[in-house]
């Protein structure tokens, strides 16, 4: 009998993992300063509710201290101080390279999957790939190392054995070309305790991960999902979101929807895309709050109201993420929950 379980994000965390932005290839020119301001806001909101382990590249440590000292002087309701780790991080995407915690027979353990920067797109990634081992040593938590490439943003679980993922990521030959769909399901069943799989087709235009599920569809509770849709047939995401929605309808889950915000940007991102994966599905559920990304005044209030309905005992906090998503990820992509 498999006693392993992937906890749901809304279960009580021990901490949140964040990485301070410092990669000037992801954030060129004044983009870095702009995203630093977003991080200061995120950090100040999370520290009202739970511990944050903040990984900072050693060369950015002094700058963070200066910015945080100035910012902190303007706020007074923090419950915790950030726990700083000087670590040579490659980038900010804690969701994808951070430890994925499971529960086994009442104890929490870390699963340490191979991280290769979404199919070896953005070298180097070796330091980020070392983070789960570092956390295991830090917390004295047992670690299990499946020999498979997997990012945290590629999977979405409800804490009861159901997992949603996408074919465009999990079956992409840039991850695990030697593994079939059946092989992947067997591995996720073994290590994460999954007993029910829902396979969506693919992701958003402008998502350089090849289509992570956390930009598409997320659990609001054990049997209800939020999924992104658009009625605009000229939207490049129209056909994919329509196909994904039909799969979810056939799954028997309860479905809530939100419209896609504006995703086309002026100019292009660092990989040449005219689109970014702006999505309300990329929210983060912390112990006492839900951080909701905001992008588009036409739909932001609708998104906030939805989260207030489903998380009535948490403070719903909107964060303007236009500068953050320019780097092709948002709130869920940069956070990873810890259980220990």
Protein backbone atom coordinates (compact mmCIF):
# COMPACT_ATOMS: atom_id res chain seq x y z
CA UNK A 1 0.00 0.00 0.00
CA UNK A 2 1.29 3.45 -0.96
CA UNK A 3 1.16 5.74 2.08
CA UNK A 4 2.67 8.75 0.31
CA UNK A 5 0.60 11.87 -0.28
CA UNK A 6 1.17 15.16 -2.04
CA UNK A 7 -0.33 17.81 0.29
CA UNK A 8 -2.65 20.45 -1.11
CA UNK A 9 -1.31 23.99 -1.16
CA UNK A 10 -4.03 25.22 1.21
CA UNK A 11 -2.85 22.90 4.00
CA UNK A 12 -0.87 24.58 6.80
CA UNK A 13 2.66 25.43 5.69
CA UNK A 14 5.79 25.53 7.78
CA UNK A 15 7.30 28.16 5.47
CA UNK A 16 7.44 29.59 1.96
CA UNK A 17 10.53 29.54 -0.25
CA UNK A 18 11.36 32.65 -2.32
CA UNK A 19 14.39 33.65 -4.41
CA UNK A 20 15.48 37.28 -4.56
CA UNK A 21 15.75 38.40 -8.24
CA UNK A 22 19.27 39.05 -9.48
CA UNK A 23 19.55 37.39 -12.91
CA UNK A 24 20.01 40.24 -15.41
CA UNK A 25 19.36 37.94 -18.35
CA UNK A 26 15.83 37.37 -17.08
CA UNK A 27 15.50 40.99 -15.90
CA UNK A 28 17.62 43.22 -18.20
CA UNK A 29 18.12 46.96 -17.79
CA UNK A 30 15.56 48.61 -15.49
CA UNK A 31 13.44 45.44 -15.44
CA UNK A 32 15.41 44.24 -12.42
CA UNK A 33 14.60 47.33 -10.34
CA UNK A 34 10.94 47.05 -11.29
CA UNK A 35 10.65 43.43 -10.27
CA UNK A 36 12.56 44.06 -7.03
CA UNK A 37 9.72 46.39 -5.98
CA UNK A 38 7.20 43.63 -6.65
CA UNK A 39 9.25 41.23 -4.53
CA UNK A 40 9.40 43.66 -1.64
CA UNK A 41 5.61 43.86 -1.66
CA UNK A 42 5.22 40.07 -1.89
CA UNK A 43 7.69 39.53 0.93
CA UNK A 44 5.98 42.05 3.19
CA UNK A 45 2.58 40.42 2.63
CA UNK A 46 3.76 36.85 3.25
CA UNK A 47 5.70 37.76 6.41
CA UNK A 48 2.45 38.81 8.05
CA UNK A 49 1.32 35.18 7.95
CA UNK A 50 4.23 32.75 7.73
CA UNK A 51 7.97 32.27 7.74
CA UNK A 52 9.76 32.99 4.46
CA UNK A 53 13.07 31.37 3.57
CA UNK A 54 14.62 33.83 1.13
CA UNK A 55 17.45 32.59 -1.08
CA UNK A 56 19.75 35.40 -2.22
CA UNK A 57 22.74 35.18 -4.50
CA UNK A 58 25.77 36.37 -2.49
CA UNK A 59 26.48 39.25 -4.88
CA UNK A 60 22.94 40.61 -4.36
CA UNK A 61 22.91 40.33 -0.57
CA UNK A 62 24.06 43.88 0.15
CA UNK A 63 21.53 45.38 -2.26
CA UNK A 64 18.70 43.38 -0.71
CA UNK A 65 19.66 44.53 2.79
CA UNK A 66 19.56 48.16 1.68
CA UNK A 67 16.23 47.85 -0.14
CA UNK A 68 14.60 45.83 2.62
CA UNK A 69 15.73 48.20 5.36
CA UNK A 70 14.22 51.17 3.52
CA UNK A 71 11.03 49.31 2.68
CA UNK A 72 10.61 47.79 6.12
CA UNK A 73 10.71 51.24 7.72
CA UNK A 74 7.38 51.95 6.01
CA UNK A 75 5.57 48.85 7.34
CA UNK A 76 4.91 47.76 10.91
CA UNK A 77 2.70 44.66 10.94
CA UNK A 78 5.16 41.88 10.14
CA UNK A 79 4.86 38.74 12.23
CA UNK A 80 8.12 37.17 11.02
CA UNK A 81 11.53 38.24 9.76
CA UNK A 82 12.82 36.66 6.55
CA UNK A 83 15.30 33.81 7.00
CA UNK A 84 18.11 34.56 4.59
CA UNK A 85 20.18 31.93 2.77
CA UNK A 86 23.22 33.13 0.84
CA UNK A 87 23.06 30.66 -2.03
CA UNK A 88 24.25 30.98 -5.65
CA UNK A 89 20.77 30.73 -7.17
CA UNK A 90 20.48 30.75 -10.94
CA UNK A 91 17.04 32.41 -11.07
CA UNK A 92 13.81 33.09 -9.21
CA UNK A 93 11.64 30.10 -10.11
CA UNK A 94 11.38 28.42 -6.70
CA UNK A 95 8.26 26.50 -7.71
CA UNK A 96 10.11 24.54 -10.34
CA UNK A 97 13.46 23.82 -8.71
CA UNK A 98 12.48 23.82 -5.03
CA UNK A 99 11.74 20.73 -2.93
CA UNK A 100 8.37 19.06 -3.41
CA UNK A 101 7.25 17.87 0.02
CA UNK A 102 5.20 14.74 0.52
CA UNK A 103 3.65 13.19 3.60
CA UNK A 104 4.38 9.54 4.35
CA UNK A 105 2.98 7.77 7.41
CA UNK A 106 2.58 11.08 9.23
CA UNK A 107 6.06 12.41 8.45
CA UNK A 108 7.07 14.90 5.78
CA UNK A 109 9.81 14.09 3.28
CA UNK A 110 11.34 15.89 0.32
CA UNK A 111 11.17 14.57 -3.22
CA UNK A 112 14.15 15.82 -5.22
CA UNK A 113 13.36 15.71 -8.93
CA UNK A 114 15.79 16.59 -11.69
CA UNK A 115 15.53 20.24 -12.73
CA UNK A 116 16.91 21.17 -16.17
CA UNK A 117 15.46 24.66 -16.75
CA UNK A 118 12.50 23.46 -18.84
CA UNK A 119 14.38 21.30 -21.27
CA UNK A 120 17.82 22.93 -20.96
CA UNK A 121 16.56 26.28 -22.27
CA UNK A 122 18.39 28.60 -19.86
CA UNK A 123 21.81 27.46 -18.64
CA UNK A 124 23.20 27.35 -16.07
CA UNK A 125 20.70 25.58 -13.82
CA UNK A 126 22.96 23.35 -11.71
CA UNK A 127 22.82 25.50 -8.56
CA UNK A 128 19.04 25.63 -8.62
CA UNK A 129 19.02 21.86 -9.07
CA UNK A 130 20.96 21.53 -5.78
CA UNK A 131 18.37 23.37 -3.69
CA UNK A 132 16.28 20.36 -2.53
CA UNK A 133 19.40 18.69 -1.12
CA UNK A 134 20.36 21.93 0.62
CA UNK A 135 16.87 22.17 2.18
CA UNK A 136 16.97 18.52 3.23
CA UNK A 137 20.24 19.12 5.07
CA UNK A 138 18.99 22.40 6.52
CA UNK A 139 15.81 20.90 7.96
CA UNK A 140 17.15 17.41 8.60
CA UNK A 141 14.29 16.03 6.51
CA UNK A 142 14.63 12.75 4.61
CA UNK A 143 15.03 13.10 0.85
CA UNK A 144 13.93 10.82 -1.98
CA UNK A 145 15.41 11.27 -5.46
CA UNK A 146 13.35 9.95 -8.37
CA UNK A 147 15.38 9.79 -11.58
CA UNK A 148 12.99 11.95 -13.55
CA UNK A 149 12.81 15.57 -14.70
CA UNK A 150 9.88 17.36 -13.06
CA UNK A 151 9.03 20.96 -12.18
CA UNK A 152 6.62 21.93 -9.44
CA UNK A 153 4.67 24.18 -11.80
CA UNK A 154 3.93 21.20 -14.04
CA UNK A 155 1.70 19.48 -11.48
CA UNK A 156 -1.39 20.48 -9.52
CA UNK A 157 -2.77 18.28 -6.76
CA UNK A 158 -5.81 18.35 -4.48
CA UNK A 159 -4.23 16.57 -1.50
CA UNK A 160 -6.44 13.53 -2.07
CA UNK A 161 -4.55 11.79 -4.86
CA UNK A 162 -5.83 13.66 -7.93
CA UNK A 163 -3.24 15.38 -10.11
CA UNK A 164 -3.68 17.66 -13.13
CA UNK A 165 -0.85 18.13 -15.61
CA UNK A 166 -0.25 18.85 -19.32
CA UNK A 167 0.90 16.65 -22.17
CA UNK A 168 2.87 19.53 -23.68
CA UNK A 169 5.23 19.50 -20.69
CA UNK A 170 5.24 15.99 -19.31
CA UNK A 171 5.48 14.25 -22.68
CA UNK A 172 7.91 16.75 -24.16
CA UNK A 173 11.11 15.01 -25.33
CA UNK A 174 13.18 17.79 -23.74
CA UNK A 175 12.37 16.33 -20.29
CA UNK A 176 12.15 12.56 -20.20
CA UNK A 177 12.35 11.18 -23.76
CA UNK A 178 12.81 7.62 -22.47
CA UNK A 179 9.55 7.64 -20.48
CA UNK A 180 6.07 6.95 -21.84
CA UNK A 181 2.88 8.43 -20.44
CA UNK A 182 2.29 5.17 -18.59
CA UNK A 183 5.84 5.28 -17.18
CA UNK A 184 5.35 8.85 -15.94
CA UNK A 185 2.05 8.00 -14.26
CA UNK A 186 3.69 5.03 -12.53
CA UNK A 187 6.52 7.20 -11.19
CA UNK A 188 4.17 9.93 -9.95
CA UNK A 189 1.99 7.30 -8.35
CA UNK A 190 4.97 5.77 -6.58
CA UNK A 191 6.56 8.97 -5.30
CA UNK A 192 3.62 11.36 -4.88
CA UNK A 193 0.81 8.93 -4.07
CA UNK A 194 -1.27 9.90 -7.10
CA UNK A 195 -4.22 7.67 -7.95
CA UNK A 196 -6.13 9.80 -10.48
CA UNK A 197 -4.63 11.73 -13.41
CA UNK A 198 -6.20 14.47 -15.52
CA UNK A 199 -4.14 15.29 -18.61
CA UNK A 200 -4.73 18.68 -20.22
CA UNK A 201 -3.37 19.31 -23.71
CA UNK A 202 -1.12 22.33 -23.45
CA UNK A 203 -0.45 25.78 -22.08
CA UNK A 204 -0.44 29.48 -22.82
CA UNK A 205 1.32 31.27 -25.64
CA UNK A 206 4.38 32.97 -24.18
CA UNK A 207 4.91 30.34 -21.50
CA UNK A 208 8.49 29.23 -22.04
CA UNK A 209 7.98 26.19 -19.78
CA UNK A 210 6.08 24.54 -22.68
CA UNK A 211 2.77 24.87 -20.85
CA UNK A 212 2.78 24.56 -17.07
CA UNK A 213 -0.57 23.70 -15.52
CA UNK A 214 -0.27 26.44 -12.88
CA UNK A 215 -0.99 29.02 -15.60
CA UNK A 216 -4.08 27.12 -16.68
CA UNK A 217 -6.00 25.21 -14.02
CA UNK A 218 -5.73 25.07 -10.23
CA UNK A 219 -7.68 23.43 -7.43
CA UNK A 220 -9.79 25.77 -5.28
CA UNK A 221 -10.80 22.86 -3.07
CA UNK A 222 -10.72 19.08 -3.33
CA UNK A 223 -13.28 18.84 -6.13
CA UNK A 224 -13.38 22.35 -7.65
CA UNK A 225 -10.94 23.92 -10.09
CA UNK A 226 -10.39 27.37 -11.48
CA UNK A 227 -9.56 27.29 -15.17
CA UNK A 228 -8.76 30.10 -17.57
CA UNK A 229 -10.95 30.72 -20.63
CA UNK A 230 -11.41 33.25 -23.40
CA UNK A 231 -14.35 33.99 -25.68
CA UNK A 232 -12.12 35.93 -28.07
CA UNK A 233 -11.51 33.73 -31.10
CA UNK A 234 -8.63 35.96 -32.16
CA UNK A 235 -6.80 35.22 -28.89
CA UNK A 236 -3.91 32.83 -29.64
CA UNK A 237 -4.91 30.85 -26.54
CA UNK A 238 -8.51 30.31 -27.66
CA UNK A 239 -8.27 26.81 -29.13
CA UNK A 240 -6.02 25.38 -26.42
CA UNK A 241 -8.12 26.73 -23.58
CA UNK A 242 -11.26 25.41 -25.26
CA UNK A 243 -9.74 21.92 -25.54
CA UNK A 244 -8.56 21.98 -21.92
CA UNK A 245 -11.98 23.12 -20.73
CA UNK A 246 -13.67 20.18 -22.44
CA UNK A 247 -11.28 17.74 -20.73
CA UNK A 248 -12.14 19.27 -17.37
CA UNK A 249 -15.86 19.04 -18.11
CA UNK A 250 -15.44 15.35 -18.85
CA UNK A 251 -13.49 14.85 -15.59
CA UNK A 252 -16.51 15.46 -13.37
CA UNK A 253 -14.84 18.24 -11.37
CA UNK A 254 -16.70 21.42 -10.45
CA UNK A 255 -15.38 24.25 -12.61
CA UNK A 256 -15.02 27.97 -12.00
CA UNK A 257 -13.70 30.16 -14.81
CA UNK A 258 -12.00 33.49 -15.19
CA UNK A 259 -11.31 35.37 -18.43
CA UNK A 260 -7.79 35.73 -19.74
CA UNK A 261 -6.28 39.15 -19.02
CA UNK A 262 -4.37 41.00 -21.70
CA UNK A 263 -1.29 38.94 -22.57
CA UNK A 264 0.19 40.82 -25.52
CA UNK A 265 2.99 43.20 -24.54
CA UNK A 266 4.81 46.05 -26.21
CA UNK A 267 8.05 44.76 -27.66
CA UNK A 268 9.15 41.26 -26.77
CA UNK A 269 10.39 39.24 -23.79
CA UNK A 270 13.96 37.99 -23.56
CA UNK A 271 13.11 34.94 -25.68
CA UNK A 272 11.41 37.02 -28.37
CA UNK A 273 7.77 36.42 -27.42
CA UNK A 274 5.14 39.11 -27.96
CA UNK A 275 3.00 37.42 -25.30
CA UNK A 276 3.40 36.66 -21.60
CA UNK A 277 1.56 33.96 -19.63
CA UNK A 278 -0.56 36.38 -17.60
CA UNK A 279 -3.10 34.28 -15.72
CA UNK A 280 -5.19 34.55 -12.58
CA UNK A 281 -4.58 30.84 -12.05
CA UNK A 282 -1.03 31.64 -10.94
CA UNK A 283 -2.12 32.56 -7.41
CA UNK A 284 -0.47 31.38 -4.18
CA UNK A 285 -2.31 30.12 -1.10
CA UNK A 286 -0.38 30.90 2.10
CA UNK A 287 -1.38 30.18 5.71
CA UNK A 288 -3.53 33.25 6.29
CA UNK A 289 -3.78 34.80 2.87
CA UNK A 290 -4.13 34.23 -0.85
CA UNK A 291 -1.85 36.26 -3.09
CA UNK A 292 -3.66 36.96 -6.36
CA UNK A 293 -1.86 38.32 -9.43
CA UNK A 294 -3.49 41.37 -11.00
CA UNK A 295 -2.99 42.36 -14.64
CA UNK A 296 -6.11 43.82 -16.21
CA UNK A 297 -8.60 46.26 -14.66
CA UNK A 298 -11.41 44.71 -16.71
CA UNK A 299 -11.17 41.45 -14.76
CA UNK A 300 -9.10 42.01 -11.60
CA UNK A 301 -12.09 42.60 -9.30
CA UNK A 302 -13.85 39.53 -10.66
CA UNK A 303 -10.78 37.46 -9.80
CA UNK A 304 -10.52 38.87 -6.28
CA UNK A 305 -14.19 38.21 -5.61
CA UNK A 306 -13.82 34.58 -6.71
CA UNK A 307 -10.96 33.97 -4.30
CA UNK A 308 -12.83 35.64 -1.44
CA UNK A 309 -15.68 33.19 -2.05
CA UNK A 310 -13.46 30.11 -1.93
CA UNK A 311 -11.05 31.24 0.79
CA UNK A 312 -13.31 33.12 3.24
CA UNK A 313 -10.95 32.59 6.19
CA UNK A 314 -7.93 34.00 4.42
CA UNK A 315 -7.13 37.56 3.47
CA UNK A 316 -7.21 37.90 -0.31
CA UNK A 317 -4.42 40.23 -1.42
CA UNK A 318 -4.02 41.49 -4.96
CA UNK A 319 -0.49 42.06 -6.27
CA UNK A 320 0.14 43.94 -9.51
CA UNK A 321 2.20 41.42 -11.45
CA UNK A 322 2.65 43.09 -14.83
CA UNK A 323 6.37 43.58 -14.21
CA UNK A 324 6.78 40.12 -12.70
CA UNK A 325 5.08 38.24 -15.54
CA UNK A 326 7.33 40.00 -18.07
CA UNK A 327 9.89 37.40 -16.93
CA UNK A 328 7.34 34.75 -18.01
CA UNK A 329 6.17 33.64 -14.58
CA UNK A 330 4.08 34.98 -11.71
CA UNK A 331 3.25 34.46 -8.03
CA UNK A 332 2.89 30.68 -8.02
CA UNK A 333 6.01 30.28 -10.15
CA UNK A 334 8.21 32.12 -7.64
CA UNK A 335 6.93 30.46 -4.45
CA UNK A 336 7.21 26.95 -3.02
CA UNK A 337 5.54 25.78 0.17
CA UNK A 338 7.45 23.79 2.78
CA UNK A 339 6.05 21.23 5.22
CA UNK A 340 8.18 19.89 8.06
